[in-house]
């Protein structure tokens, strides 16, 4: 449905860098916070619109209507 290999690889790189800077996490929650914050920082740099997002979103609505619709309100 979505062909964004470069975007996924870029996001993985950002997350990997953030995790590698901190060798030890006191809890799982701390690790989740680092990943969340790294993702938030990466998303601020994204400027290109996602190609064919409307058709991809329509496909997701067909496949996952119950899970997607509550987030689109």
PDB file of N, CA and C in Angstrom:
ATOM      1  N   UNK A   1       0.828  -1.189   0.000  1.00  0.00           N
ATOM      2  CA  UNK A   1       0.000   0.000   0.000  1.00  0.00           C
ATOM      3  C   UNK A   1       0.872   1.252   0.000  1.00  0.00           C
ATOM      4  N   UNK A   2       1.848   1.314   0.910  1.00  0.00           N
ATOM      5  CA  UNK A   2       2.733   2.475   0.972  1.00  0.00           C
ATOM      6  C   UNK A   2       4.150   2.020   0.654  1.00  0.00           C
ATOM      7  N   UNK A   3       4.807   2.726  -0.226  1.00  0.00           N
ATOM      8  CA  UNK A   3       6.154   2.353  -0.615  1.00  0.00           C
ATOM      9  C   UNK A   3       7.119   3.442  -0.155  1.00  0.00           C
ATOM     10  N   UNK A   4       7.485   3.395   1.101  1.00  0.00           N
ATOM     11  CA  UNK A   4       8.335   4.429   1.683  1.00  0.00           C
ATOM     12  C   UNK A   4       9.558   3.812   2.343  1.00  0.00           C
ATOM     13  N   UNK A   5      10.280   3.011   1.613  1.00  0.00           N
ATOM     14  CA  UNK A   5      11.441   2.332   2.171  1.00  0.00           C
ATOM     15  C   UNK A   5      12.461   3.330   2.715  1.00  0.00           C
ATOM     16  N   UNK A   6      12.747   4.388   1.978  1.00  0.00           N
ATOM     17  CA  UNK A   6      13.727   5.372   2.439  1.00  0.00           C
ATOM     18  C   UNK A   6      13.267   6.065   3.709  1.00  0.00           C
ATOM     19  N   UNK A   7      11.989   6.379   3.800  1.00  0.00           N
ATOM     20  CA  UNK A   7      11.466   7.026   5.003  1.00  0.00           C
ATOM     21  C   UNK A   7      11.563   6.100   6.206  1.00  0.00           C
ATOM     22  N   UNK A   8      11.266   4.831   6.001  1.00  0.00           N
ATOM     23  CA  UNK A   8      11.354   3.862   7.093  1.00  0.00           C
ATOM     24  C   UNK A   8      12.799   3.695   7.530  1.00  0.00           C
ATOM     25  N   UNK A   9      13.709   3.593   6.581  1.00  0.00           N
ATOM     26  CA  UNK A   9      15.127   3.461   6.917  1.00  0.00           C
ATOM     27  C   UNK A   9      15.635   4.703   7.643  1.00  0.00           C
ATOM     28  N   UNK A  10      15.183   5.865   7.242  1.00  0.00           N
ATOM     29  CA  UNK A  10      15.584   7.103   7.900  1.00  0.00           C
ATOM     30  C   UNK A  10      15.073   7.147   9.338  1.00  0.00           C
ATOM     31  N   UNK A  11      13.824   6.763   9.533  1.00  0.00           N
ATOM     32  CA  UNK A  11      13.257   6.745  10.883  1.00  0.00           C
ATOM     33  C   UNK A  11      13.976   5.723  11.756  1.00  0.00           C
ATOM     34  N   UNK A  12      14.267   4.556  11.204  1.00  0.00           N
ATOM     35  CA  UNK A  12      15.022   3.551  11.960  1.00  0.00           C
ATOM     36  C   UNK A  12      16.389   4.093  12.364  1.00  0.00           C
ATOM     37  N   UNK A  13      17.019   4.842  11.494  1.00  0.00           N
ATOM     38  CA  UNK A  13      18.323   5.423  11.797  1.00  0.00           C
ATOM     39  C   UNK A  13      18.226   6.424  12.948  1.00  0.00           C
ATOM     40  N   UNK A  14      17.197   7.248  12.929  1.00  0.00           N
ATOM     41  CA  UNK A  14      17.001   8.229  14.002  1.00  0.00           C
ATOM     42  C   UNK A  14      16.770   7.522  15.332  1.00  0.00           C
ATOM     43  N   UNK A  15      15.933   6.498  15.327  1.00  0.00           N
ATOM     44  CA  UNK A  15      15.644   5.757  16.559  1.00  0.00           C
ATOM     45  C   UNK A  15      16.894   5.036  17.045  1.00  0.00           C
ATOM     46  N   UNK A  16      17.605   4.397  16.128  1.00  0.00           N
ATOM     47  CA  UNK A  16      18.825   3.669  16.497  1.00  0.00           C
ATOM     48  C   UNK A  16      19.853   4.612  17.120  1.00  0.00           C
ATOM     49  N   UNK A  17      20.012   5.798  16.552  1.00  0.00           N
ATOM     50  CA  UNK A  17      20.959   6.773  17.086  1.00  0.00           C
ATOM     51  C   UNK A  17      20.565   7.204  18.495  1.00  0.00           C
ATOM     52  N   UNK A  18      19.281   7.472  18.702  1.00  0.00           N
ATOM     53  CA  UNK A  18      18.809   7.898  20.021  1.00  0.00           C
ATOM     54  C   UNK A  18      18.997   6.799  21.058  1.00  0.00           C
ATOM     55  N   UNK A  19      18.747   5.561  20.677  1.00  0.00           N
ATOM     56  CA  UNK A  19      18.886   4.442  21.609  1.00  0.00           C
ATOM     57  C   UNK A  19      20.359   4.171  21.905  1.00  0.00           C
ATOM     58  N   UNK A  20      21.224   4.266  20.900  1.00  0.00           N
ATOM     59  CA  UNK A  20      22.646   3.992  21.098  1.00  0.00           C
ATOM     60  C   UNK A  20      23.338   5.043  21.960  1.00  0.00           C
ATOM     61  N   UNK A  21      22.787   6.259  22.000  1.00  0.00           N
ATOM     62  CA  UNK A  21      23.367   7.292  22.851  1.00  0.00           C
ATOM     63  C   UNK A  21      23.194   6.957  24.328  1.00  0.00           C
ATOM     64  N   UNK A  22      22.164   6.208  24.630  1.00  0.00           N
ATOM     65  CA  UNK A  22      21.899   5.790  26.006  1.00  0.00           C
ATOM     66  C   UNK A  22      22.043   4.283  26.053  1.00  0.00           C
ATOM     67  N   UNK A  23      23.071   3.813  26.658  1.00  0.00           N
ATOM     68  CA  UNK A  23      23.374   2.376  26.643  1.00  0.00           C
ATOM     69  C   UNK A  23      22.453   1.570  27.554  1.00  0.00           C
ATOM     70  N   UNK A  24      22.003   2.182  28.663  1.00  0.00           N
ATOM     71  CA  UNK A  24      21.199   1.448  29.642  1.00  0.00           C
ATOM     72  C   UNK A  24      19.926   2.232  29.918  1.00  0.00           C
ATOM     73  N   UNK A  25      18.816   1.528  29.951  1.00  0.00           N
ATOM     74  CA  UNK A  25      17.538   2.129  30.295  1.00  0.00           C
ATOM     75  C   UNK A  25      17.066   1.545  31.622  1.00  0.00           C
ATOM     76  N   UNK A  26      16.639   2.388  32.556  1.00  0.00           N
ATOM     77  CA  UNK A  26      16.207   1.877  33.853  1.00  0.00           C
ATOM     78  C   UNK A  26      14.916   1.060  33.779  1.00  0.00           C
ATOM     79  N   UNK A  27      14.114   1.313  32.748  1.00  0.00           N
ATOM     80  CA  UNK A  27      12.852   0.576  32.613  1.00  0.00           C
ATOM     81  C   UNK A  27      12.430   0.562  31.150  1.00  0.00           C
ATOM     82  N   UNK A  28      11.446  -0.268  30.854  1.00  0.00           N
ATOM     83  CA  UNK A  28      10.888  -0.298  29.502  1.00  0.00           C
ATOM     84  C   UNK A  28      10.255   1.045  29.163  1.00  0.00           C
ATOM     85  N   UNK A  29       9.625   1.659  30.151  1.00  0.00           N
ATOM     86  CA  UNK A  29       8.970   2.951  29.939  1.00  0.00           C
ATOM     87  C   UNK A  29       9.987   4.010  29.495  1.00  0.00           C
ATOM     88  N   UNK A  30      11.172   3.983  30.066  1.00  0.00           N
ATOM     89  CA  UNK A  30      12.222   4.931  29.677  1.00  0.00           C
ATOM     90  C   UNK A  30      12.630   4.721  28.223  1.00  0.00           C
ATOM     91  N   UNK A  31      12.728   3.479  27.803  1.00  0.00           N
ATOM     92  CA  UNK A  31      13.073   3.181  26.410  1.00  0.00           C
ATOM     93  C   UNK A  31      11.969   3.656  25.469  1.00  0.00           C
ATOM     94  N   UNK A  32      10.711   3.435  25.855  1.00  0.00           N
ATOM     95  CA  UNK A  32       9.592   3.899  25.034  1.00  0.00           C
ATOM     96  C   UNK A  32       9.608   5.417  24.904  1.00  0.00           C
ATOM     97  N   UNK A  33       9.944   6.106  25.983  1.00  0.00           N
ATOM     98  CA  UNK A  33       9.992   7.570  25.939  1.00  0.00           C
ATOM     99  C   UNK A  33      11.067   8.061  24.975  1.00  0.00           C
ATOM    100  N   UNK A  34      12.224   7.419  24.987  1.00  0.00           N
ATOM    101  CA  UNK A  34      13.306   7.814  24.081  1.00  0.00           C
ATOM    102  C   UNK A  34      12.883   7.606  22.626  1.00  0.00           C
ATOM    103  N   UNK A  35      12.255   6.482  22.344  1.00  0.00           N
ATOM    104  CA  UNK A  35      11.792   6.204  20.975  1.00  0.00           C
ATOM    105  C   UNK A  35      10.719   7.207  20.568  1.00  0.00           C
ATOM    106  N   UNK A  36       9.789   7.502  21.473  1.00  0.00           N
ATOM    107  CA  UNK A  36       8.725   8.466  21.185  1.00  0.00           C
ATOM    108  C   UNK A  36       9.314   9.844  20.884  1.00  0.00           C
ATOM    109  N   UNK A  37      10.223  10.299  21.739  1.00  0.00           N
ATOM    110  CA  UNK A  37      10.814  11.622  21.540  1.00  0.00           C
ATOM    111  C   UNK A  37      11.649  11.690  20.265  1.00  0.00           C
ATOM    112  N   UNK A  38      12.350  10.621  19.942  1.00  0.00           N
ATOM    113  CA  UNK A  38      13.120  10.584  18.694  1.00  0.00           C
ATOM    114  C   UNK A  38      12.188  10.656  17.490  1.00  0.00           C
ATOM    115  N   UNK A  39      11.069   9.973  17.573  1.00  0.00           N
ATOM    116  CA  UNK A  39      10.087  10.004  16.487  1.00  0.00           C
ATOM    117  C   UNK A  39       9.486  11.398  16.343  1.00  0.00           C
ATOM    118  N   UNK A  40       9.194  12.037  17.464  1.00  0.00           N
ATOM    119  CA  UNK A  40       8.647  13.397  17.419  1.00  0.00           C
ATOM    120  C   UNK A  40       9.648  14.360  16.777  1.00  0.00           C
ATOM    121  N   UNK A  41      10.918  14.255  17.145  1.00  0.00           N
ATOM    122  CA  UNK A  41      11.948  15.114  16.555  1.00  0.00           C
ATOM    123  C   UNK A  41      12.084  14.862  15.058  1.00  0.00           C
ATOM    124  N   UNK A  42      12.039  13.603  14.660  1.00  0.00           N
ATOM    125  CA  UNK A  42      12.165  13.269  13.237  1.00  0.00           C
ATOM    126  C   UNK A  42      10.978  13.797  12.448  1.00  0.00           C
ATOM    127  N   UNK A  43       9.783  13.727  13.030  1.00  0.00           N
ATOM    128  CA  UNK A  43       8.590  14.158  12.296  1.00  0.00           C
ATOM    129  C   UNK A  43       8.583  15.664  12.065  1.00  0.00           C
ATOM    130  N   UNK A  44       9.273  16.428  12.897  1.00  0.00           N
ATOM    131  CA  UNK A  44       9.356  17.877  12.687  1.00  0.00           C
ATOM    132  C   UNK A  44      10.157  18.216  11.432  1.00  0.00           C
ATOM    133  N   UNK A  45      11.048  17.323  11.027  1.00  0.00           N
ATOM    134  CA  UNK A  45      11.897  17.562   9.863  1.00  0.00           C
ATOM    135  C   UNK A  45      11.236  17.151   8.551  1.00  0.00           C
ATOM    136  N   UNK A  46      10.143  16.416   8.633  1.00  0.00           N
ATOM    137  CA  UNK A  46       9.488  15.944   7.418  1.00  0.00           C
ATOM    138  C   UNK A  46       8.750  17.091   6.759  1.00  0.00           C
ATOM    139  N   UNK A  47       9.032  17.330   5.496  1.00  0.00           N
ATOM    140  CA  UNK A  47       8.386  18.431   4.795  1.00  0.00           C
ATOM    141  C   UNK A  47       7.640  17.972   3.547  1.00  0.00           C
ATOM    142  N   UNK A  48       7.990  16.823   3.039  1.00  0.00           N
ATOM    143  CA  UNK A  48       7.351  16.336   1.819  1.00  0.00           C
ATOM    144  C   UNK A  48       6.019  15.675   2.151  1.00  0.00           C
ATOM    145  N   UNK A  49       4.967  16.003   1.401  1.00  0.00           N
ATOM    146  CA  UNK A  49       3.705  15.299   1.621  1.00  0.00           C
ATOM    147  C   UNK A  49       3.827  13.843   1.171  1.00  0.00           C
ATOM    148  N   UNK A  50       3.054  13.001   1.773  1.00  0.00           N
ATOM    149  CA  UNK A  50       3.079  11.578   1.436  1.00  0.00           C
ATOM    150  C   UNK A  50       2.326  11.377   0.131  1.00  0.00           C
ATOM    151  N   UNK A  51       2.995  10.767  -0.847  1.00  0.00           N
ATOM    152  CA  UNK A  51       2.359  10.533  -2.142  1.00  0.00           C
ATOM    153  C   UNK A  51       1.231   9.522  -1.989  1.00  0.00           C
ATOM    154  N   UNK A  52       0.148   9.780  -2.683  1.00  0.00           N
ATOM    155  CA  UNK A  52      -1.013   8.887  -2.727  1.00  0.00           C
ATOM    156  C   UNK A  52      -1.560   8.565  -1.338  1.00  0.00           C
ATOM    157  N   UNK A  53      -1.456   9.516  -0.400  1.00  0.00           N
ATOM    158  CA  UNK A  53      -1.922   9.262   0.960  1.00  0.00           C
ATOM    159  C   UNK A  53      -3.426   9.005   0.986  1.00  0.00           C
ATOM    160  N   UNK A  54      -4.187   9.705   0.165  1.00  0.00           N
ATOM    161  CA  UNK A  54      -5.634   9.525   0.165  1.00  0.00           C
ATOM    162  C   UNK A  54      -6.010   8.100  -0.204  1.00  0.00           C
ATOM    163  N   UNK A  55      -5.404   7.555  -1.231  1.00  0.00           N
ATOM    164  CA  UNK A  55      -5.731   6.180  -1.617  1.00  0.00           C
ATOM    165  C   UNK A  55      -5.236   5.187  -0.570  1.00  0.00           C
ATOM    166  N   UNK A  56      -4.093   5.456   0.044  1.00  0.00           N
ATOM    167  CA  UNK A  56      -3.603   4.570   1.107  1.00  0.00           C
ATOM    168  C   UNK A  56      -4.535   4.623   2.309  1.00  0.00           C
ATOM    169  N   UNK A  57      -4.974   5.824   2.684  1.00  0.00           N
ATOM    170  CA  UNK A  57      -5.890   5.961   3.818  1.00  0.00           C
ATOM    171  C   UNK A  57      -7.216   5.264   3.535  1.00  0.00           C
ATOM    172  N   UNK A  58      -7.706   5.362   2.309  1.00  0.00           N
ATOM    173  CA  UNK A  58      -8.936   4.650   1.950  1.00  0.00           C
ATOM    174  C   UNK A  58      -8.759   3.146   2.097  1.00  0.00           C
ATOM    175  N   UNK A  59      -7.624   2.650   1.689  1.00  0.00           N
ATOM    176  CA  UNK A  59      -7.339   1.212   1.826  1.00  0.00           C
ATOM    177  C   UNK A  59      -7.280   0.808   3.300  1.00  0.00           C
ATOM    178  N   UNK A  60      -6.637   1.639   4.116  1.00  0.00           N
ATOM    179  CA  UNK A  60      -6.579   1.351   5.549  1.00  0.00           C
ATOM    180  C   UNK A  60      -7.974   1.367   6.170  1.00  0.00           C
ATOM    181  N   UNK A  61      -8.820   2.288   5.708  1.00  0.00           N
ATOM    182  CA  UNK A  61     -10.192   2.353   6.233  1.00  0.00           C
ATOM    183  C   UNK A  61     -10.955   1.075   5.912  1.00  0.00           C
ATOM    184  N   UNK A  62     -10.722   0.509   4.748  1.00  0.00           N
ATOM    185  CA  UNK A  62     -11.377  -0.746   4.381  1.00  0.00           C
ATOM    186  C   UNK A  62     -10.861  -1.881   5.255  1.00  0.00           C
ATOM    187  N   UNK A  63      -9.558  -1.926   5.451  1.00  0.00           N
ATOM    188  CA  UNK A  63      -8.956  -3.037   6.191  1.00  0.00           C
ATOM    189  C   UNK A  63      -9.103  -2.908   7.707  1.00  0.00           C
ATOM    190  N   UNK A  64      -8.992  -1.678   8.227  1.00  0.00           N
ATOM    191  CA  UNK A  64      -8.943  -1.476   9.677  1.00  0.00           C
ATOM    192  C   UNK A  64      -9.930  -0.409  10.130  1.00  0.00           C
ATOM    193  N   UNK A  65     -11.133  -0.448   9.639  1.00  0.00           N
ATOM    194  CA  UNK A  65     -12.103   0.610   9.897  1.00  0.00           C
ATOM    195  C   UNK A  65     -12.292   0.881  11.382  1.00  0.00           C
ATOM    196  N   UNK A  66     -12.432  -0.159  12.180  1.00  0.00           N
ATOM    197  CA  UNK A  66     -12.710   0.040  13.598  1.00  0.00           C
ATOM    198  C   UNK A  66     -11.551   0.719  14.326  1.00  0.00           C
ATOM    199  N   UNK A  67     -10.324   0.470  13.894  1.00  0.00           N
ATOM    200  CA  UNK A  67      -9.159   1.054  14.572  1.00  0.00           C
ATOM    201  C   UNK A  67      -8.783   2.426  14.021  1.00  0.00           C
ATOM    202  N   UNK A  68      -9.030   2.666  12.743  1.00  0.00           N
ATOM    203  CA  UNK A  68      -8.606   3.925  12.118  1.00  0.00           C
ATOM    204  C   UNK A  68      -9.621   5.035  12.359  1.00  0.00           C
ATOM    205  N   UNK A  69     -10.883   4.726  12.254  1.00  0.00           N
ATOM    206  CA  UNK A  69     -11.904   5.774  12.295  1.00  0.00           C
ATOM    207  C   UNK A  69     -11.893   6.553  13.601  1.00  0.00           C
ATOM    208  N   UNK A  70     -11.573   5.920  14.719  1.00  0.00           N
ATOM    209  CA  UNK A  70     -11.576   6.652  15.993  1.00  0.00           C
ATOM    210  C   UNK A  70     -10.424   7.656  16.086  1.00  0.00           C
ATOM    211  N   UNK A  71      -9.396   7.499  15.259  1.00  0.00           N
ATOM    212  CA  UNK A  71      -8.270   8.433  15.277  1.00  0.00           C
ATOM    213  C   UNK A  71      -8.449   9.569  14.275  1.00  0.00           C
ATOM    214  N   UNK A  72      -9.415   9.467  13.409  1.00  0.00           N
ATOM    215  CA  UNK A  72      -9.623  10.489  12.387  1.00  0.00           C
ATOM    216  C   UNK A  72     -10.665  11.521  12.778  1.00  0.00           C
ATOM    217  N   UNK A  73     -11.243  11.363  13.912  1.00  0.00           N
ATOM    218  CA  UNK A  73     -12.310  12.288  14.346  1.00  0.00           C
ATOM    219  C   UNK A  73     -11.733  13.620  14.738  1.00  0.00           C
TER     220      UNK A  73
END
